[in-house]
N, C-alpha and C. Protein backbone atom coordinates (compact mmCIF):
# COMPACT_ATOMS: atom_id res chain seq x y z
N UNK A 1 0.82 -1.19 0.00
CA UNK A 1 0.00 0.00 0.00
C UNK A 1 0.87 1.26 0.00
N UNK A 2 1.94 1.25 0.80
CA UNK A 2 2.80 2.43 0.86
C UNK A 2 3.55 2.64 -0.46
N UNK A 3 3.86 1.56 -1.19
CA UNK A 3 4.53 1.72 -2.48
C UNK A 3 3.58 2.35 -3.49
N UNK A 4 2.29 2.09 -3.40
CA UNK A 4 1.30 2.71 -4.29
C UNK A 4 1.23 4.21 -4.03
N UNK A 5 1.27 4.61 -2.76
CA UNK A 5 1.25 6.03 -2.41
C UNK A 5 2.54 6.70 -2.88
N UNK A 6 3.65 6.02 -2.71
CA UNK A 6 4.94 6.55 -3.16
C UNK A 6 4.94 6.74 -4.67
N UNK A 7 4.41 5.77 -5.42
CA UNK A 7 4.31 5.87 -6.87
C UNK A 7 3.41 7.04 -7.28
N UNK A 8 2.30 7.22 -6.55
CA UNK A 8 1.37 8.31 -6.84
C UNK A 8 2.08 9.65 -6.71
N UNK A 9 2.82 9.85 -5.61
CA UNK A 9 3.53 11.10 -5.38
C UNK A 9 4.62 11.32 -6.42
N UNK A 10 5.29 10.27 -6.82
CA UNK A 10 6.32 10.39 -7.85
C UNK A 10 5.71 10.87 -9.16
N UNK A 11 4.58 10.26 -9.53
CA UNK A 11 3.89 10.65 -10.77
C UNK A 11 3.39 12.09 -10.66
N UNK A 12 2.83 12.44 -9.50
CA UNK A 12 2.31 13.80 -9.28
C UNK A 12 3.43 14.83 -9.42
N UNK A 13 4.57 14.56 -8.82
CA UNK A 13 5.71 15.48 -8.90
C UNK A 13 6.23 15.57 -10.33
N UNK A 14 6.31 14.44 -11.02
CA UNK A 14 6.78 14.44 -12.41
C UNK A 14 5.85 15.26 -13.30
N UNK A 15 4.54 15.10 -13.12
CA UNK A 15 3.58 15.86 -13.91
C UNK A 15 3.68 17.35 -13.58
N UNK A 16 3.88 17.68 -12.31
CA UNK A 16 4.03 19.08 -11.91
C UNK A 16 5.21 19.73 -12.64
N UNK A 17 6.33 19.01 -12.73
CA UNK A 17 7.48 19.55 -13.44
C UNK A 17 7.19 19.73 -14.92
N UNK A 18 6.46 18.79 -15.52
CA UNK A 18 6.10 18.92 -16.93
C UNK A 18 5.24 20.15 -17.15
N UNK A 19 4.29 20.38 -16.26
CA UNK A 19 3.41 21.54 -16.40
C UNK A 19 4.22 22.82 -16.24
N UNK A 20 5.13 22.86 -15.26
CA UNK A 20 5.97 24.03 -15.09
C UNK A 20 6.85 24.26 -16.31
N UNK A 21 7.40 23.19 -16.86
CA UNK A 21 8.25 23.34 -18.04
C UNK A 21 7.48 23.94 -19.20
N UNK A 22 6.23 23.51 -19.41
CA UNK A 22 5.45 24.03 -20.53
C UNK A 22 5.12 25.50 -20.32
N UNK A 23 4.76 25.90 -19.11
CA UNK A 23 4.42 27.30 -18.86
C UNK A 23 5.66 28.18 -18.95
N UNK A 24 6.78 27.68 -18.49
CA UNK A 24 8.02 28.45 -18.57
C UNK A 24 8.52 28.53 -20.01
N UNK A 25 8.17 27.55 -20.82
CA UNK A 25 8.64 27.52 -22.21
C UNK A 25 8.20 28.75 -22.97
N UNK A 26 6.98 29.22 -22.72
CA UNK A 26 6.49 30.41 -23.43
C UNK A 26 7.35 31.62 -23.08
N UNK A 27 7.73 31.75 -21.79
CA UNK A 27 8.54 32.88 -21.37
C UNK A 27 9.96 32.77 -21.89
N UNK A 28 10.48 31.56 -21.95
CA UNK A 28 11.87 31.36 -22.34
C UNK A 28 12.06 31.21 -23.84
N UNK A 29 10.97 31.07 -24.60
CA UNK A 29 11.10 30.76 -26.02
C UNK A 29 11.88 31.82 -26.77
N UNK A 30 11.74 33.10 -26.38
CA UNK A 30 12.47 34.15 -27.07
C UNK A 30 13.97 33.98 -26.95
N UNK A 31 14.42 33.36 -25.87
CA UNK A 31 15.85 33.18 -25.67
C UNK A 31 16.41 32.08 -26.57
N UNK A 32 15.57 31.19 -27.07
CA UNK A 32 16.04 30.05 -27.84
C UNK A 32 15.69 30.12 -29.31
N UNK A 33 15.03 31.19 -29.74
CA UNK A 33 14.71 31.35 -31.15
C UNK A 33 16.00 31.69 -31.88
N UNK A 34 16.25 31.02 -33.01
CA UNK A 34 17.48 31.32 -33.75
C UNK A 34 17.57 32.80 -34.09
N UNK A 35 18.74 33.34 -33.98
CA UNK A 35 18.96 34.76 -34.24
C UNK A 35 20.13 34.92 -35.19
N UNK A 36 20.44 36.15 -35.45
CA UNK A 36 21.59 36.45 -36.30
C UNK A 36 22.87 36.03 -35.59
N UNK A 37 23.91 35.84 -36.36
CA UNK A 37 25.21 35.52 -35.77
C UNK A 37 25.69 36.72 -34.94
N UNK A 38 26.56 36.46 -33.98
CA UNK A 38 27.09 37.58 -33.17
C UNK A 38 27.71 38.66 -34.06
N UNK A 39 27.51 39.90 -33.67
CA UNK A 39 28.02 41.08 -34.37
C UNK A 39 27.39 41.30 -35.74
N UNK A 40 26.25 40.66 -35.99
CA UNK A 40 25.51 40.85 -37.24
C UNK A 40 24.16 41.47 -36.92
N UNK A 41 23.65 42.27 -37.85
CA UNK A 41 22.37 42.93 -37.67
C UNK A 41 21.26 41.89 -37.59
N UNK A 42 20.38 41.98 -36.58
CA UNK A 42 19.35 40.97 -36.35
C UNK A 42 18.02 41.34 -36.98
N UNK A 43 17.74 42.61 -37.16
CA UNK A 43 16.45 43.03 -37.71
C UNK A 43 16.65 43.95 -38.89
N UNK A 44 15.70 43.89 -39.82
CA UNK A 44 15.57 44.87 -40.88
C UNK A 44 14.13 45.36 -40.78
N UNK A 45 13.95 46.59 -40.35
CA UNK A 45 12.60 47.04 -40.02
C UNK A 45 12.10 46.20 -38.86
N UNK A 46 10.93 45.60 -39.02
CA UNK A 46 10.40 44.74 -37.95
C UNK A 46 10.53 43.26 -38.29
N UNK A 47 11.33 42.93 -39.28
CA UNK A 47 11.53 41.53 -39.68
C UNK A 47 12.82 40.99 -39.06
N UNK A 48 12.69 39.89 -38.30
CA UNK A 48 13.85 39.23 -37.72
C UNK A 48 14.59 38.46 -38.80
N UNK A 49 15.91 38.58 -38.82
CA UNK A 49 16.73 37.93 -39.84
C UNK A 49 17.65 36.91 -39.15
N UNK A 50 17.18 35.67 -38.98
CA UNK A 50 18.02 34.67 -38.32
C UNK A 50 19.00 34.03 -39.30
N UNK A 51 20.13 33.58 -38.78
CA UNK A 51 21.09 32.83 -39.58
C UNK A 51 20.42 31.53 -40.02
N UNK A 52 20.56 31.05 -41.24
CA UNK A 52 21.62 31.28 -42.21
C UNK A 52 21.44 32.54 -43.06
N UNK A 53 20.30 33.25 -42.92
CA UNK A 53 20.14 34.51 -43.62
C UNK A 53 20.94 35.56 -42.87
N UNK A 54 21.31 36.60 -43.56
CA UNK A 54 22.05 37.67 -42.91
C UNK A 54 22.09 38.90 -43.78
N UNK A 55 22.32 40.00 -43.14
CA UNK A 55 22.36 41.28 -43.82
C UNK A 55 23.81 41.60 -44.18
N UNK A 56 24.04 41.86 -45.47
CA UNK A 56 25.38 42.12 -45.96
C UNK A 56 25.87 43.49 -45.56
N UNK A 57 27.08 43.85 -45.89
CA UNK A 57 28.00 43.19 -46.81
C UNK A 57 28.93 42.18 -46.14
N UNK A 58 28.90 42.05 -44.81
CA UNK A 58 29.79 41.12 -44.11
C UNK A 58 29.41 39.68 -44.45
N UNK A 59 30.28 38.98 -45.19
CA UNK A 59 29.99 37.62 -45.65
C UNK A 59 29.90 36.61 -44.51
N UNK A 60 30.39 36.96 -43.33
CA UNK A 60 30.29 36.06 -42.18
C UNK A 60 28.88 36.05 -41.59
N UNK A 61 28.03 36.99 -41.99
CA UNK A 61 26.68 37.09 -41.41
C UNK A 61 25.66 36.18 -42.10
N UNK A 62 25.96 35.65 -43.27
CA UNK A 62 25.03 34.78 -43.99
C UNK A 62 25.78 33.57 -44.53
N UNK A 63 25.01 32.49 -44.79
CA UNK A 63 25.60 31.21 -45.20
C UNK A 63 26.30 31.29 -46.54
N UNK A 64 25.58 31.79 -47.55
CA UNK A 64 26.18 32.02 -48.86
C UNK A 64 25.37 33.11 -49.55
N UNK A 65 25.73 33.45 -50.78
CA UNK A 65 25.09 34.59 -51.46
C UNK A 65 23.58 34.46 -51.59
N UNK A 66 23.05 33.24 -51.66
CA UNK A 66 21.61 33.06 -51.76
C UNK A 66 20.88 33.54 -50.51
N UNK A 67 21.57 33.59 -49.39
CA UNK A 67 20.96 33.96 -48.11
C UNK A 67 21.25 35.42 -47.72
N UNK A 68 21.90 36.16 -48.60
CA UNK A 68 22.22 37.56 -48.31
C UNK A 68 20.99 38.43 -48.46
N UNK A 69 20.77 39.28 -47.49
CA UNK A 69 19.62 40.19 -47.48
C UNK A 69 20.12 41.62 -47.49
N UNK A 70 19.53 42.42 -48.37
CA UNK A 70 19.83 43.85 -48.40
C UNK A 70 18.84 44.58 -47.50
N UNK A 71 19.35 45.48 -46.72
CA UNK A 71 18.51 46.31 -45.85
C UNK A 71 19.20 47.66 -45.77
N UNK A 72 18.71 48.60 -46.56
CA UNK A 72 19.38 49.90 -46.61
C UNK A 72 18.41 50.96 -47.09
N UNK A 73 18.91 52.14 -47.28
CA UNK A 73 18.09 53.25 -47.73
C UNK A 73 17.44 52.95 -49.08
N UNK A 74 18.17 52.28 -49.97
CA UNK A 74 17.66 51.95 -51.30
C UNK A 74 16.44 51.03 -51.22
N UNK A 75 16.44 50.08 -50.26
CA UNK A 75 15.30 49.15 -50.11
C UNK A 75 14.26 49.70 -49.14
N UNK A 76 14.42 50.96 -48.73
CA UNK A 76 13.52 51.61 -47.77
C UNK A 76 13.48 50.84 -46.46
N UNK A 77 14.60 50.25 -46.12
CA UNK A 77 14.79 49.47 -44.89
C UNK A 77 13.77 48.33 -44.77
N UNK A 78 13.43 47.78 -45.93
CA UNK A 78 12.66 46.54 -46.00
C UNK A 78 13.63 45.47 -46.47
N UNK A 79 13.59 44.27 -45.85
CA UNK A 79 14.55 43.24 -46.25
C UNK A 79 14.26 42.72 -47.66
N UNK A 80 15.30 42.62 -48.46
CA UNK A 80 15.18 42.13 -49.83
C UNK A 80 16.21 41.03 -50.03
N UNK A 81 15.76 39.87 -50.49
CA UNK A 81 16.66 38.76 -50.80
C UNK A 81 17.47 39.18 -52.02
N UNK A 82 18.74 39.38 -51.82
CA UNK A 82 19.59 40.04 -52.82
C UNK A 82 19.54 39.40 -54.21
N UNK A 83 19.74 38.10 -54.33
CA UNK A 83 19.85 37.48 -55.65
C UNK A 83 18.53 37.33 -56.38
N UNK A 84 17.40 37.38 -55.66
CA UNK A 84 16.10 37.26 -56.33
C UNK A 84 15.40 38.61 -56.45
N UNK A 85 15.78 39.57 -55.60
CA UNK A 85 15.12 40.87 -55.61
C UNK A 85 13.76 40.86 -54.95
N UNK A 86 13.43 39.79 -54.24
CA UNK A 86 12.12 39.67 -53.60
C UNK A 86 12.15 40.23 -52.18
N UNK A 87 11.11 41.01 -51.85
CA UNK A 87 11.00 41.55 -50.49
C UNK A 87 10.65 40.42 -49.53
N UNK A 88 11.37 40.33 -48.42
CA UNK A 88 11.15 39.30 -47.41
C UNK A 88 10.13 39.83 -46.40
N UNK A 89 9.05 39.05 -46.21
CA UNK A 89 8.03 39.44 -45.25
C UNK A 89 8.29 38.82 -43.89
N UNK A 90 8.79 37.59 -43.87
CA UNK A 90 9.11 36.92 -42.61
C UNK A 90 9.98 35.70 -42.88
N UNK A 91 10.70 35.30 -41.84
CA UNK A 91 11.49 34.07 -41.88
C UNK A 91 11.12 33.30 -40.63
N UNK A 92 10.58 32.10 -40.79
CA UNK A 92 10.16 31.33 -39.62
C UNK A 92 11.17 30.24 -39.31
N UNK A 93 11.12 29.77 -38.07
CA UNK A 93 12.08 28.75 -37.65
C UNK A 93 11.75 27.38 -38.23
N UNK A 94 10.58 27.24 -38.86
CA UNK A 94 10.24 25.96 -39.49
C UNK A 94 10.81 25.86 -40.91
N UNK A 95 11.56 26.88 -41.34
CA UNK A 95 12.19 26.83 -42.65
C UNK A 95 11.42 27.52 -43.74
N UNK A 96 10.46 28.36 -43.38
CA UNK A 96 9.65 29.05 -44.38
C UNK A 96 10.08 30.50 -44.50
N UNK A 97 10.36 30.89 -45.71
CA UNK A 97 10.69 32.28 -46.03
C UNK A 97 9.51 32.83 -46.82
N UNK A 98 8.81 33.81 -46.26
CA UNK A 98 7.68 34.44 -46.96
C UNK A 98 8.17 35.67 -47.68
N UNK A 99 7.81 35.77 -48.95
CA UNK A 99 8.24 36.91 -49.76
C UNK A 99 7.04 37.57 -50.40
N UNK A 100 7.21 38.82 -50.77
CA UNK A 100 6.21 39.57 -51.50
C UNK A 100 6.56 39.42 -52.97
N UNK A 101 5.75 38.66 -53.70
CA UNK A 101 6.03 38.36 -55.10
C UNK A 101 4.98 39.05 -55.96
N UNK A 102 5.38 39.78 -57.00
CA UNK A 102 4.38 40.45 -57.85
C UNK A 102 3.48 39.43 -58.54
N UNK A 103 2.27 39.88 -58.85
CA UNK A 103 1.33 39.04 -59.59
C UNK A 103 1.94 38.73 -60.94
N UNK A 104 1.85 37.48 -61.35
CA UNK A 104 2.46 37.05 -62.60
C UNK A 104 1.38 36.84 -63.66
N UNK A 105 1.63 37.37 -64.84
CA UNK A 105 0.73 37.13 -65.96
C UNK A 105 1.55 37.15 -67.24
N UNK A 106 0.99 36.58 -68.25
CA UNK A 106 1.66 36.55 -69.55
C UNK A 106 0.79 37.32 -70.54
N UNK A 107 1.32 38.42 -71.06
CA UNK A 107 0.58 39.24 -72.00
C UNK A 107 1.06 39.00 -73.42
N UNK A 108 0.48 39.74 -74.32
CA UNK A 108 0.83 39.61 -75.73
C UNK A 108 2.14 40.32 -76.05
N UNK A 109 2.42 41.40 -75.35
CA UNK A 109 3.63 42.16 -75.61
C UNK A 109 4.66 41.83 -74.54
N UNK A 110 5.91 41.94 -74.91
CA UNK A 110 7.01 41.65 -73.99
C UNK A 110 6.93 42.53 -72.74
N UNK A 111 6.56 43.82 -72.90
CA UNK A 111 6.49 44.73 -71.77
C UNK A 111 5.40 44.32 -70.78
N UNK A 112 4.36 43.63 -71.25
CA UNK A 112 3.23 43.30 -70.39
C UNK A 112 3.46 42.01 -69.59
N UNK A 113 4.54 41.33 -69.82
CA UNK A 113 4.78 40.06 -69.14
C UNK A 113 5.63 40.25 -67.89
N UNK A 114 5.14 39.73 -66.81
CA UNK A 114 5.92 39.63 -65.59
C UNK A 114 6.17 38.15 -65.37
N UNK A 115 7.41 37.78 -65.19
CA UNK A 115 7.74 36.37 -65.04
C UNK A 115 8.03 36.04 -63.58
N UNK A 116 7.80 34.80 -63.23
CA UNK A 116 8.12 34.31 -61.90
C UNK A 116 9.63 34.35 -61.73
N UNK A 117 10.14 34.83 -60.59
CA UNK A 117 11.59 34.82 -60.39
C UNK A 117 12.15 33.41 -60.56
N UNK A 118 13.27 33.33 -61.23
CA UNK A 118 13.91 32.05 -61.49
C UNK A 118 14.66 31.59 -60.25
N UNK A 119 14.25 30.47 -59.68
CA UNK A 119 14.91 29.93 -58.50
C UNK A 119 15.83 28.75 -58.82
N UNK A 120 16.05 28.50 -60.12
CA UNK A 120 16.96 27.41 -60.50
C UNK A 120 18.34 27.65 -59.91
N UNK A 121 18.91 26.62 -59.32
CA UNK A 121 20.22 26.71 -58.72
C UNK A 121 20.21 27.27 -57.30
N UNK A 122 19.06 27.74 -56.85
CA UNK A 122 18.96 28.29 -55.51
C UNK A 122 18.53 27.20 -54.53
N UNK A 123 18.67 27.46 -53.24
CA UNK A 123 18.19 26.49 -52.25
C UNK A 123 16.70 26.63 -51.98
N UNK A 124 16.00 27.49 -52.72
CA UNK A 124 14.59 27.79 -52.45
C UNK A 124 13.66 27.16 -53.47
N UNK A 125 12.47 26.82 -53.02
CA UNK A 125 11.40 26.33 -53.90
C UNK A 125 10.11 27.02 -53.49
N UNK A 126 9.17 27.08 -54.42
CA UNK A 126 7.85 27.59 -54.08
C UNK A 126 7.07 26.50 -53.38
N UNK A 127 6.37 26.86 -52.33
CA UNK A 127 5.56 25.90 -51.57
C UNK A 127 4.26 25.63 -52.31
N UNK A 128 3.93 24.36 -52.45
CA UNK A 128 2.66 24.00 -53.08
C UNK A 128 1.51 24.13 -52.10
N UNK A 129 1.79 24.00 -50.81
CA UNK A 129 0.72 24.05 -49.81
C UNK A 129 0.53 25.43 -49.20
N UNK A 130 1.55 26.28 -49.22
CA UNK A 130 1.44 27.57 -48.56
C UNK A 130 1.36 28.74 -49.54
N UNK A 131 1.28 28.46 -50.84
CA UNK A 131 1.14 29.53 -51.81
C UNK A 131 -0.22 30.20 -51.65
N UNK A 132 -0.21 31.51 -51.51
CA UNK A 132 -1.48 32.25 -51.32
C UNK A 132 -1.47 33.47 -52.23
N UNK A 133 -2.65 33.81 -52.69
CA UNK A 133 -2.83 35.02 -53.46
C UNK A 133 -3.61 36.00 -52.59
N UNK A 134 -3.02 37.15 -52.32
CA UNK A 134 -3.68 38.15 -51.47
C UNK A 134 -3.68 39.48 -52.20
N UNK A 135 -4.82 40.12 -52.25
CA UNK A 135 -4.92 41.43 -52.89
C UNK A 135 -5.15 42.49 -51.81
N UNK A 136 -4.55 43.65 -52.02
CA UNK A 136 -4.74 44.75 -51.07
C UNK A 136 -5.42 45.90 -51.76
């Protein structure tokens, strides 16, 4: 009988620690979110730029040229993925990079055609499940 009570208290204490860990996780999560490398700019406007992305020109701040982000007066301090020219809206820790991509259409004249940015050779692909069309 006493071993049953001892087991009950052990389980109760273990569950209490799990509950505390989950509640503390929300407070501590900001400390563990990937960030920019040391001595590298972490934000462009209100967009967090975690490594492997980084703001140039320091090549140590990003993994390679595909991950270089421009953030300057020319881009109006909005992050722009340098090699694609696409404005970065957010970078999530699940590996999703959201960009502002112009509406694409094919017209009769060369001037009327906007083409999808070419991602061949890049580490990026368009998501089939998260592609959204939003009009403002």
